Amino acid sequence: MDIFSQDWIALVITGLATLFLVGEVLVNMRGIFAILGIGFITVYFSVYLETNSLILMLVIYFVGILLIIIDGKVLNDGTLATIGTVSMLAAVALPAPNFAAGLYAVLGVLLGAGGSLLFLKVFKRREMWNKITLKDQLTSEAGYNSMNEEYKKLLNQTAITLNDMRPVGTIRVGMKDYSAVSNGQWIEKGTEVKITQVDGTKILVEPKNNS
């Protein structure tokens, strides 16, 4: 029996493809994961599609990955990442010969993307996501003695968001405005927040009702 006639094989192939492709985005593997991912996803589309349709679905799939990368490098608000994820799911679901295979393919993408996070524990991560986290601690113990005193005094103060934080935005403390970031949360404009962490001139906030 042809293994590609089995619906579950869609889960395996799309899962491995997404695992390696998203893994290449997250960790620096010098293109090795990218080559493996491209190979698996090309096999998947070639099983179910003719050449013209295959190229179209490959484009849709990789546009989805590109949107996720752009979101991580530039916007950091999750909008393009969401569109990119939907694009990837649609690209693998549409060519499937039946509903079950399509469901397996979608599940494979989701599991592969989730599984790729495990690479962060093993390989050197890329720096593209640092814009939305306060990972570098500019502490005196680490040798950083130039922390802006004005920002240091903001710790534990209450502020108001001047726009939607997704998760980067602007807050107002007293009569002054500052750029800040939430801890991965989307906070609406006009929300009262508390400054929970200050690293140099980077400010981390959370809704005051959470504190």
C-alpha atoms as a PDB file:
ATOM      1  CA  MET A   1       0.000   0.000   0.000  1.00  0.00           C
ATOM      2  CA  ASP A   2       1.289   3.463  -0.920  1.00  0.00           C
ATOM      3  CA  ILE A   3       2.137   5.246   2.308  1.00  0.00           C
ATOM      4  CA  PHE A   4       1.077   8.554   0.812  1.00  0.00           C
ATOM      5  CA  SER A   5      -2.467   7.209   0.475  1.00  0.00           C
ATOM      6  CA  GLN A   6      -2.715   7.208   4.275  1.00  0.00           C
ATOM      7  CA  ASP A   7      -4.285  10.356   5.707  1.00  0.00           C
ATOM      8  CA  TRP A   8      -2.006  10.458   8.756  1.00  0.00           C
ATOM      9  CA  ILE A   9       1.117  10.867   6.627  1.00  0.00           C
ATOM     10  CA  ALA A  10       0.084  14.502   6.099  1.00  0.00           C
ATOM     11  CA  LEU A  11       0.618  15.100   9.816  1.00  0.00           C
ATOM     12  CA  VAL A  12       4.107  13.622   9.715  1.00  0.00           C
ATOM     13  CA  ILE A  13       5.305  15.520   6.639  1.00  0.00           C
ATOM     14  CA  THR A  14       3.817  18.927   7.449  1.00  0.00           C
ATOM     15  CA  GLY A  15       4.874  18.513  11.065  1.00  0.00           C
ATOM     16  CA  LEU A  16       8.509  17.867  10.149  1.00  0.00           C
ATOM     17  CA  ALA A  17       8.488  20.623   7.526  1.00  0.00           C
ATOM     18  CA  THR A  18       7.167  23.219   9.964  1.00  0.00           C
ATOM     19  CA  LEU A  19       9.367  21.947  12.783  1.00  0.00           C
ATOM     20  CA  PHE A  20      12.523  22.597  10.786  1.00  0.00           C
ATOM     21  CA  LEU A  21      11.412  25.781   9.014  1.00  0.00           C
ATOM     22  CA  VAL A  22      10.201  27.533  12.154  1.00  0.00           C
ATOM     23  CA  GLY A  23      13.204  26.091  13.955  1.00  0.00           C
ATOM     24  CA  GLU A  24      15.468  27.820  11.427  1.00  0.00           C
ATOM     25  CA  VAL A  25      13.730  31.096  12.251  1.00  0.00           C
ATOM     26  CA  LEU A  26      14.200  30.607  15.995  1.00  0.00           C
ATOM     27  CA  VAL A  27      17.733  29.223  16.157  1.00  0.00           C
ATOM     28  CA  ASN A  28      20.859  29.730  14.104  1.00  0.00           C
ATOM     29  CA  MET A  29      21.400  26.464  12.211  1.00  0.00           C
ATOM     30  CA  ARG A  30      23.110  28.019   9.170  1.00  0.00           C
ATOM     31  CA  GLY A  31      20.379  26.913   6.789  1.00  0.00           C
ATOM     32  CA  ILE A  32      20.444  23.192   7.636  1.00  0.00           C
ATOM     33  CA  PHE A  33      16.953  23.226   9.142  1.00  0.00           C
ATOM     34  CA  ALA A  34      15.713  25.383   6.261  1.00  0.00           C
ATOM     35  CA  ILE A  35      16.885  22.836   3.686  1.00  0.00           C
ATOM     36  CA  LEU A  36      15.237  19.973   5.590  1.00  0.00           C
ATOM     37  CA  GLY A  37      11.999  21.932   5.991  1.00  0.00           C
ATOM     38  CA  ILE A  38      11.847  22.934   2.330  1.00  0.00           C
ATOM     39  CA  GLY A  39      12.436  19.311   1.359  1.00  0.00           C
ATOM     40  CA  PHE A  40       9.595  17.978   3.505  1.00  0.00           C
ATOM     41  CA  ILE A  41       7.054  20.629   2.485  1.00  0.00           C
ATOM     42  CA  THR A  42       7.919  20.186  -1.197  1.00  0.00           C
ATOM     43  CA  VAL A  43       7.323  16.448  -0.870  1.00  0.00           C
ATOM     44  CA  TYR A  44       3.952  17.132   0.747  1.00  0.00           C
ATOM     45  CA  PHE A  45       2.724  19.438  -1.991  1.00  0.00           C
ATOM     46  CA  SER A  46       4.154  17.293  -4.806  1.00  0.00           C
ATOM     47  CA  VAL A  47       2.127  14.290  -3.614  1.00  0.00           C
ATOM     48  CA  TYR A  48      -1.217  16.053  -4.015  1.00  0.00           C
ATOM     49  CA  LEU A  49      -0.672  18.812  -6.577  1.00  0.00           C
ATOM     50  CA  GLU A  50       0.338  19.415 -10.154  1.00  0.00           C
ATOM     51  CA  THR A  51       3.338  21.658 -10.817  1.00  0.00           C
ATOM     52  CA  ASN A  52       1.465  24.965 -11.199  1.00  0.00           C
ATOM     53  CA  SER A  53      -0.646  24.467  -8.095  1.00  0.00           C
ATOM     54  CA  LEU A  54       2.391  23.174  -6.210  1.00  0.00           C
ATOM     55  CA  ILE A  55       4.278  26.407  -6.842  1.00  0.00           C
ATOM     56  CA  LEU A  56       1.277  28.492  -5.771  1.00  0.00           C
ATOM     57  CA  MET A  57       0.850  26.641  -2.482  1.00  0.00           C
ATOM     58  CA  LEU A  58       4.575  26.801  -1.780  1.00  0.00           C
ATOM     59  CA  VAL A  59       4.416  30.565  -2.258  1.00  0.00           C
ATOM     60  CA  ILE A  60       1.428  30.875   0.102  1.00  0.00           C
ATOM     61  CA  TYR A  61       3.136  28.697   2.703  1.00  0.00           C
ATOM     62  CA  PHE A  62       6.427  30.589   2.613  1.00  0.00           C
ATOM     63  CA  VAL A  63       4.679  33.973   2.540  1.00  0.00           C
ATOM     64  CA  GLY A  64       3.144  32.885   5.831  1.00  0.00           C
ATOM     65  CA  ILE A  65       6.583  32.195   7.301  1.00  0.00           C
ATOM     66  CA  LEU A  66       7.864  35.504   5.911  1.00  0.00           C
ATOM     67  CA  LEU A  67       5.038  37.404   7.609  1.00  0.00           C
ATOM     68  CA  ILE A  68       5.913  35.763  10.925  1.00  0.00           C
ATOM     69  CA  ILE A  69       9.547  36.803  10.491  1.00  0.00           C
ATOM     70  CA  ILE A  70       8.584  40.396   9.601  1.00  0.00           C
ATOM     71  CA  ASP A  71       6.352  40.551  12.660  1.00  0.00           C
ATOM     72  CA  GLY A  72       9.186  39.344  14.872  1.00  0.00           C
ATOM     73  CA  LYS A  73      11.792  41.695  13.401  1.00  0.00           C
ATOM     74  CA  VAL A  74       9.773  44.853  12.810  1.00  0.00           C
ATOM     75  CA  LEU A  75       6.237  45.140  14.152  1.00  0.00           C
ATOM     76  CA  ASN A  76       6.104  42.874  17.196  1.00  0.00           C
ATOM     77  CA  ASP A  77       2.324  43.223  17.550  1.00  0.00           C
ATOM     78  CA  GLY A  78       1.268  39.750  16.438  1.00  0.00           C
ATOM     79  CA  THR A  79      -0.933  40.887  13.536  1.00  0.00           C
ATOM     80  CA  LEU A  80       1.275  39.706  10.681  1.00  0.00           C
ATOM     81  CA  ALA A  81       2.226  36.599  12.652  1.00  0.00           C
ATOM     82  CA  THR A  82      -1.453  35.673  12.910  1.00  0.00           C
ATOM     83  CA  ILE A  83      -2.014  36.259   9.181  1.00  0.00           C
ATOM     84  CA  GLY A  84       1.110  34.241   8.427  1.00  0.00           C
ATOM     85  CA  THR A  85      -0.069  31.324  10.545  1.00  0.00           C
ATOM     86  CA  VAL A  86      -3.455  31.307   8.807  1.00  0.00           C
ATOM     87  CA  SER A  87      -1.679  31.411   5.445  1.00  0.00           C
ATOM     88  CA  MET A  88       0.435  28.373   6.344  1.00  0.00           C
ATOM     89  CA  LEU A  89      -2.590  26.431   7.592  1.00  0.00           C
ATOM     90  CA  ALA A  90      -4.594  27.233   4.467  1.00  0.00           C
ATOM     91  CA  ALA A  91      -1.697  26.243   2.217  1.00  0.00           C
ATOM     92  CA  VAL A  92      -1.445  22.737   3.689  1.00  0.00           C
ATOM     93  CA  ALA A  93      -5.184  22.171   4.134  1.00  0.00           C
ATOM     94  CA  LEU A  94      -6.377  23.074   0.640  1.00  0.00           C
ATOM     95  CA  PRO A  95      -4.353  20.477  -1.327  1.00  0.00           C
ATOM     96  CA  ALA A  96      -5.413  17.604   0.950  1.00  0.00           C
ATOM     97  CA  PRO A  97      -7.533  14.975  -0.834  1.00  0.00           C
ATOM     98  CA  ASN A  98     -10.119  14.792   1.952  1.00  0.00           C
ATOM     99  CA  PHE A  99     -11.145  16.422   5.207  1.00  0.00           C
ATOM    100  CA  ALA A 100      -9.238  13.973   7.412  1.00  0.00           C
ATOM    101  CA  ALA A 101      -5.968  14.501   5.548  1.00  0.00           C
ATOM    102  CA  GLY A 102      -6.474  18.253   5.679  1.00  0.00           C
ATOM    103  CA  LEU A 103      -7.075  18.096   9.412  1.00  0.00           C
ATOM    104  CA  TYR A 104      -3.933  16.032   9.866  1.00  0.00           C
ATOM    105  CA  ALA A 105      -1.970  18.543   7.791  1.00  0.00           C
ATOM    106  CA  VAL A 106      -3.179  21.491   9.876  1.00  0.00           C
ATOM    107  CA  LEU A 107      -2.432  19.588  13.073  1.00  0.00           C
ATOM    108  CA  GLY A 108       1.044  18.844  11.740  1.00  0.00           C
ATOM    109  CA  VAL A 109       1.768  22.547  11.215  1.00  0.00           C
ATOM    110  CA  LEU A 110       0.591  23.418  14.727  1.00  0.00           C
ATOM    111  CA  LEU A 111       2.525  20.583  16.372  1.00  0.00           C
ATOM    112  CA  GLY A 112       5.621  21.320  14.299  1.00  0.00           C
ATOM    113  CA  ALA A 113       5.559  24.996  15.227  1.00  0.00           C
ATOM    114  CA  GLY A 114       5.103  24.141  18.886  1.00  0.00           C
ATOM    115  CA  GLY A 115       7.806  21.493  18.801  1.00  0.00           C
ATOM    116  CA  SER A 116      10.286  23.915  17.261  1.00  0.00           C
ATOM    117  CA  LEU A 117      10.381  25.791  20.574  1.00  0.00           C
ATOM    118  CA  LEU A 118      12.325  22.867  21.983  1.00  0.00           C
ATOM    119  CA  PHE A 119      15.234  23.859  19.741  1.00  0.00           C
ATOM    120  CA  LEU A 120      15.652  26.973  21.893  1.00  0.00           C
ATOM    121  CA  LYS A 121      16.804  24.751  24.741  1.00  0.00           C
ATOM    122  CA  VAL A 122      19.492  23.077  22.628  1.00  0.00           C
ATOM    123  CA  PHE A 123      20.764  25.475  19.956  1.00  0.00           C
ATOM    124  CA  LYS A 124      21.872  29.103  19.883  1.00  0.00           C
ATOM    125  CA  ARG A 125      18.835  31.302  19.486  1.00  0.00           C
ATOM    126  CA  ARG A 126      18.533  34.129  17.000  1.00  0.00           C
ATOM    127  CA  GLU A 127      18.272  37.655  18.379  1.00  0.00           C
ATOM    128  CA  MET A 128      15.243  38.649  16.319  1.00  0.00           C
ATOM    129  CA  TRP A 129      12.756  38.406  19.193  1.00  0.00           C
ATOM    130  CA  ASN A 130      14.629  40.558  21.712  1.00  0.00           C
ATOM    131  CA  LYS A 131      12.578  43.624  20.835  1.00  0.00           C
ATOM    132  CA  ILE A 132       9.577  42.319  22.738  1.00  0.00           C
ATOM    133  CA  THR A 133      11.368  41.045  25.837  1.00  0.00           C
ATOM    134  CA  LEU A 134      13.634  42.488  28.479  1.00  0.00           C
ATOM    135  CA  LYS A 135      16.178  39.723  28.416  1.00  0.00           C
ATOM    136  CA  ASP A 136      19.371  41.737  28.906  1.00  0.00           C
ATOM    137  CA  GLN A 137      19.565  42.757  32.544  1.00  0.00           C
ATOM    138  CA  LEU A 138      21.511  46.036  32.774  1.00  0.00           C
ATOM    139  CA  THR A 139      22.380  45.610  36.443  1.00  0.00           C
ATOM    140  CA  SER A 140      25.313  46.863  38.475  1.00  0.00           C
ATOM    141  CA  GLU A 141      26.226  43.259  39.215  1.00  0.00           C
ATOM    142  CA  ALA A 142      26.591  42.625  35.493  1.00  0.00           C
ATOM    143  CA  GLY A 143      28.886  45.613  35.153  1.00  0.00           C
ATOM    144  CA  TYR A 144      26.381  48.167  33.917  1.00  0.00           C
ATOM    145  CA  ASN A 145      26.670  51.352  36.013  1.00  0.00           C
ATOM    146  CA  SER A 146      25.135  53.824  33.596  1.00  0.00           C
ATOM    147  CA  MET A 147      21.450  53.111  34.251  1.00  0.00           C
ATOM    148  CA  ASN A 148      19.440  56.227  33.629  1.00  0.00           C
ATOM    149  CA  GLU A 149      18.471  57.513  37.080  1.00  0.00           C
ATOM    150  CA  GLU A 150      15.298  59.083  35.758  1.00  0.00           C
ATOM    151  CA  TYR A 151      14.097  55.724  34.487  1.00  0.00           C
ATOM    152  CA  LYS A 152      15.211  53.961  37.654  1.00  0.00           C
ATOM    153  CA  LYS A 153      12.879  56.163  39.686  1.00  0.00           C
ATOM    154  CA  LEU A 154       9.911  54.979  37.594  1.00  0.00           C
ATOM    155  CA  LEU A 155       9.959  51.509  39.157  1.00  0.00           C
ATOM    156  CA  ASN A 156       6.629  50.634  40.846  1.00  0.00           C
ATOM    157  CA  GLN A 157       4.986  53.851  39.651  1.00  0.00           C
ATOM    158  CA  THR A 158       1.551  53.932  38.049  1.00  0.00           C
ATOM    159  CA  ALA A 159       1.110  55.011  34.426  1.00  0.00           C
ATOM    160  CA  ILE A 160      -1.576  55.265  31.749  1.00  0.00           C
ATOM    161  CA  THR A 161      -1.249  53.681  28.309  1.00  0.00           C
ATOM    162  CA  LEU A 162      -1.559  56.227  25.500  1.00  0.00           C
ATOM    163  CA  ASN A 163      -2.157  53.595  22.817  1.00  0.00           C
ATOM    164  CA  ASP A 164      -2.811  49.883  22.518  1.00  0.00           C
ATOM    165  CA  MET A 165       0.256  47.950  23.693  1.00  0.00           C
ATOM    166  CA  ARG A 166       0.707  44.924  21.404  1.00  0.00           C
ATOM    167  CA  PRO A 167       3.008  44.500  23.300  1.00  0.00           C
ATOM    168  CA  VAL A 168       5.043  47.706  22.616  1.00  0.00           C
ATOM    169  CA  GLY A 169       3.439  51.068  23.278  1.00  0.00           C
ATOM    170  CA  THR A 170       3.637  54.443  24.976  1.00  0.00           C
ATOM    171  CA  ILE A 171       2.781  55.227  28.594  1.00  0.00           C
ATOM    172  CA  ARG A 172       2.401  58.488  30.503  1.00  0.00           C
ATOM    173  CA  VAL A 173       3.817  58.967  33.985  1.00  0.00           C
ATOM    174  CA  GLY A 174       2.824  62.330  35.396  1.00  0.00           C
ATOM    175  CA  MET A 175       3.399  64.733  32.514  1.00  0.00           C
ATOM    176  CA  LYS A 176       6.049  62.686  30.682  1.00  0.00           C
ATOM    177  CA  ASP A 177       5.666  59.977  28.046  1.00  0.00           C
ATOM    178  CA  TYR A 178       7.825  56.877  27.792  1.00  0.00           C
ATOM    179  CA  SER A 179       8.123  53.902  25.468  1.00  0.00           C
ATOM    180  CA  ALA A 180       7.314  50.667  27.287  1.00  0.00           C
ATOM    181  CA  VAL A 181       6.609  47.000  26.691  1.00  0.00           C
ATOM    182  CA  SER A 182       4.187  44.592  28.311  1.00  0.00           C
ATOM    183  CA  ASN A 183       5.151  41.065  29.231  1.00  0.00           C
ATOM    184  CA  GLY A 184       3.645  39.620  26.048  1.00  0.00           C
ATOM    185  CA  GLN A 185       0.179  40.974  26.891  1.00  0.00           C
ATOM    186  CA  TRP A 186      -2.036  43.142  24.713  1.00  0.00           C
ATOM    187  CA  ILE A 187      -3.099  46.127  26.842  1.00  0.00           C
ATOM    188  CA  GLU A 188      -5.767  48.531  25.640  1.00  0.00           C
ATOM    189  CA  LYS A 189      -5.346  52.299  25.379  1.00  0.00           C
ATOM    190  CA  GLY A 190      -6.257  54.139  28.573  1.00  0.00           C
ATOM    191  CA  THR A 191      -5.448  51.232  30.884  1.00  0.00           C
ATOM    192  CA  GLU A 192      -3.826  51.943  34.226  1.00  0.00           C
ATOM    193  CA  VAL A 193      -0.568  50.001  34.440  1.00  0.00           C
ATOM    194  CA  LYS A 194       2.210  49.500  36.963  1.00  0.00           C
ATOM    195  CA  ILE A 195       5.898  49.693  36.061  1.00  0.00           C
ATOM    196  CA  THR A 196       7.296  46.394  37.279  1.00  0.00           C
ATOM    197  CA  GLN A 197      10.804  46.426  35.817  1.00  0.00           C
ATOM    198  CA  VAL A 198      13.305  48.958  34.492  1.00  0.00           C
ATOM    199  CA  ASP A 199      16.476  47.920  32.653  1.00  0.00           C
ATOM    200  CA  GLY A 200      18.421  50.926  31.471  1.00  0.00           C
ATOM    201  CA  THR A 201      15.809  52.840  29.498  1.00  0.00           C
ATOM    202  CA  LYS A 202      13.616  49.803  28.887  1.00  0.00           C
ATOM    203  CA  ILE A 203      10.374  49.771  30.843  1.00  0.00           C
ATOM    204  CA  LEU A 204       8.234  46.705  31.516  1.00  0.00           C
ATOM    205  CA  VAL A 205       4.622  47.195  32.617  1.00  0.00           C
ATOM    206  CA  GLU A 206       1.585  45.133  33.508  1.00  0.00           C
ATOM    207  CA  PRO A 207      -2.072  46.041  34.120  1.00  0.00           C
ATOM    208  CA  LYS A 208      -2.429  47.405  37.630  1.00  0.00           C
ATOM    209  CA  ASN A 209      -5.308  45.077  38.403  1.00  0.00           C
ATOM    210  CA  ASN A 210      -2.918  42.142  37.897  1.00  0.00           C
ATOM    211  CA  SER A 211      -0.504  43.343  40.560  1.00  0.00           C
END
